[in-house]
Amino acid sequence: MARLPSIVALALAVGAMSASLGCGAEGDATGSEQTEAAIIGRESQPTTVEPEEVVTPAACPPEAGPGCEAAEGRIVFVEAVDPDGDGDAHFVITDGGSITLPGLTAIDVRRGLRPEPLPGVGDLISAAGPVQTGSHGQSQIHALVLNVARPAR
């Protein structure tokens, strides 16, 4: 992964921005104003139910050995064109595995495993494979299994 420092910086910035989106100014409106706004908002907008995304959890195949890890999460960065030209793709996901950094895991996906179309930022994926050291000394999953979320039916 040739550009991991910039990938990590971007992923951290995205994480910080998304964490701050939930922070609103509490107490700006009185309780009755908030209730009224909520009622008006509910009445004026039609309710639609988006299909829930599901991803098959990736599992380590037996041939992966003892250093295999699995991770699942939302993509915060995609490197679709690898600078070294070998055709692999790289993803950084937010997850509980924290293989690369706390809350982040980098995934290296070889050319033959690249899904078409390539998933993008916000998509849900799971991957499993041996943890290897990347070109910048970072820990990353070298995916042997990659699953992409599809809407539940």
Protein backbone atom coordinates (compact mmCIF):
# COMPACT_ATOMS: atom_id res chain seq x y z
CA MET A 1 0.00 0.00 0.00
CA ALA A 2 2.13 2.83 -1.28
CA ARG A 3 0.25 5.77 0.19
CA LEU A 4 -0.81 4.56 3.63
CA PRO A 5 0.14 7.73 5.53
CA SER A 6 -2.26 9.78 3.39
CA ILE A 7 -4.86 6.97 3.53
CA VAL A 8 -4.70 6.89 7.31
CA ALA A 9 -4.84 10.69 7.53
CA LEU A 10 -7.92 10.72 5.27
CA ALA A 11 -9.58 7.92 7.21
CA LEU A 12 -8.96 9.67 10.52
CA ALA A 13 -10.38 12.92 9.15
CA VAL A 14 -13.48 11.13 7.87
CA GLY A 15 -13.92 9.42 11.24
CA ALA A 16 -13.59 12.69 13.12
CA MET A 17 -16.10 14.41 10.82
CA SER A 18 -18.63 11.60 11.11
CA ALA A 19 -18.26 11.56 14.90
CA SER A 20 -18.93 15.29 15.05
CA LEU A 21 -22.05 15.05 12.87
CA GLY A 22 -24.01 13.56 15.75
CA CYS A 23 -23.11 16.43 18.05
CA GLY A 24 -25.82 19.03 17.98
CA ALA A 25 -26.41 21.97 20.23
CA GLU A 26 -28.69 20.58 22.89
CA GLY A 27 -30.93 22.99 24.64
CA ASP A 28 -31.25 25.42 21.71
CA ALA A 29 -34.99 24.94 21.64
CA THR A 30 -37.43 24.40 24.47
CA GLY A 31 -38.94 20.98 25.03
CA SER A 32 -42.27 21.97 23.45
CA GLU A 33 -40.52 23.49 20.43
CA GLN A 34 -38.53 20.30 19.95
CA THR A 35 -41.66 18.15 20.24
CA GLU A 36 -43.55 20.39 17.81
CA ALA A 37 -40.70 20.31 15.32
CA ALA A 38 -40.51 16.53 15.57
CA ILE A 39 -44.26 16.16 14.99
CA ILE A 40 -44.23 18.58 12.05
CA GLY A 41 -41.18 16.85 10.59
CA ARG A 42 -42.82 13.44 10.82
CA GLU A 43 -46.06 14.60 9.25
CA SER A 44 -44.45 16.46 6.37
CA GLN A 45 -42.05 13.73 5.25
CA PRO A 46 -43.19 10.40 3.83
CA THR A 47 -41.70 7.42 5.59
CA THR A 48 -39.66 5.08 3.46
CA VAL A 49 -37.89 2.00 4.67
CA GLU A 50 -34.50 1.40 3.14
CA PRO A 51 -33.51 -2.23 2.79
CA GLU A 52 -31.01 -3.19 5.44
CA GLU A 53 -27.54 -4.02 4.20
CA VAL A 54 -26.19 -7.39 5.12
CA VAL A 55 -22.73 -8.77 4.53
CA THR A 56 -21.69 -12.36 4.91
CA PRO A 57 -19.02 -12.44 7.59
CA ALA A 58 -15.68 -13.46 6.09
CA ALA A 59 -14.03 -16.46 7.71
CA CYS A 60 -10.40 -17.47 7.58
CA PRO A 61 -9.83 -20.43 5.28
CA PRO A 62 -7.75 -23.28 6.77
CA GLU A 63 -4.83 -22.59 4.44
CA ALA A 64 -4.49 -19.05 5.81
CA GLY A 65 -2.70 -20.27 8.90
CA PRO A 66 -2.59 -18.97 12.45
CA GLY A 67 -1.97 -15.30 11.52
CA CYS A 68 -5.34 -14.92 9.81
CA GLU A 69 -7.79 -12.25 10.94
CA ALA A 70 -11.26 -11.23 9.81
CA ALA A 71 -12.76 -7.75 9.85
CA GLU A 72 -16.06 -6.19 8.85
CA GLY A 73 -16.93 -2.54 8.48
CA ARG A 74 -17.81 0.50 6.38
CA ILE A 75 -15.34 1.70 3.78
CA VAL A 76 -13.85 5.12 4.52
CA PHE A 77 -11.19 5.07 1.78
CA VAL A 78 -10.72 3.26 -1.54
CA GLU A 79 -7.55 3.10 -3.60
CA ALA A 80 -8.85 1.65 -6.87
CA VAL A 81 -5.65 2.22 -8.86
CA ASP A 82 -2.59 0.97 -7.07
CA PRO A 83 0.54 3.01 -7.84
CA ASP A 84 2.69 -0.11 -8.26
CA GLY A 85 0.51 -1.30 -11.15
CA ASP A 86 -0.19 -4.86 -9.99
CA GLY A 87 -3.98 -4.37 -10.23
CA ASP A 88 -4.88 -4.82 -6.59
CA ALA A 89 -7.24 -2.54 -4.68
CA HIS A 90 -6.95 -1.20 -1.15
CA PHE A 91 -9.69 -0.36 1.31
CA VAL A 92 -9.66 1.21 4.75
CA ILE A 93 -12.65 0.29 6.87
CA THR A 94 -13.94 1.33 10.25
CA ASP A 95 -14.35 -1.71 12.42
CA GLY A 96 -13.90 -3.19 15.83
CA GLY A 97 -10.84 -5.16 14.76
CA SER A 98 -8.42 -2.24 14.79
CA ILE A 99 -5.74 -4.12 12.88
CA THR A 100 -4.06 -1.06 11.36
CA LEU A 101 -4.98 1.67 13.85
CA PRO A 102 -7.58 1.90 16.61
CA GLY A 103 -10.93 1.54 14.84
CA LEU A 104 -9.38 1.16 11.36
CA THR A 105 -8.27 -1.77 9.25
CA ALA A 106 -6.51 -1.61 5.88
CA ILE A 107 -7.32 -4.39 3.43
CA ASP A 108 -5.22 -5.35 0.40
CA VAL A 109 -7.28 -7.12 -2.28
CA ARG A 110 -5.40 -8.85 -5.12
CA ARG A 111 -6.49 -8.41 -8.74
CA GLY A 112 -8.23 -11.80 -8.98
CA LEU A 113 -10.38 -11.07 -5.92
CA ARG A 114 -11.40 -7.51 -6.87
CA PRO A 115 -15.19 -7.28 -7.02
CA GLU A 116 -16.84 -5.64 -10.01
CA PRO A 117 -18.13 -3.06 -9.57
CA LEU A 118 -15.65 -1.99 -6.94
CA PRO A 119 -17.38 -1.01 -3.68
CA GLY A 120 -17.00 2.60 -2.61
CA VAL A 121 -16.90 4.81 0.45
CA GLY A 122 -19.80 3.98 2.76
CA ASP A 123 -20.24 0.42 1.51
CA LEU A 124 -20.10 -2.45 3.96
CA ILE A 125 -17.53 -5.22 3.41
CA SER A 126 -15.97 -8.10 5.29
CA ALA A 127 -12.57 -9.60 4.63
CA ALA A 128 -10.37 -12.37 5.99
CA GLY A 129 -6.75 -13.25 5.39
CA PRO A 130 -3.31 -13.23 6.89
CA VAL A 131 -2.17 -10.04 8.56
CA GLN A 132 0.88 -8.78 6.73
CA THR A 133 3.13 -5.78 6.98
CA GLY A 134 2.50 -3.20 4.27
CA SER A 135 5.09 -1.08 2.50
CA HIS A 136 4.97 1.58 5.23
CA GLY A 137 5.20 -0.85 8.14
CA GLN A 138 1.45 -0.94 8.79
CA SER A 139 -0.47 -4.10 9.64
CA GLN A 140 -3.09 -4.95 7.02
CA ILE A 141 -5.25 -7.86 5.96
CA HIS A 142 -4.13 -9.51 2.72
CA ALA A 143 -7.63 -10.65 1.74
CA LEU A 144 -8.19 -14.27 0.77
CA VAL A 145 -11.94 -13.81 1.26
CA LEU A 146 -13.85 -10.60 0.49
CA ASN A 147 -17.59 -10.16 0.82
CA VAL A 148 -19.53 -7.06 -0.22
CA ALA A 149 -22.86 -6.08 1.35
CA ARG A 150 -25.99 -6.33 -0.69
CA PRO A 151 -29.39 -4.97 0.34
CA ALA A 152 -31.48 -7.61 2.20
CA ARG A 153 -34.41 -8.91 0.23
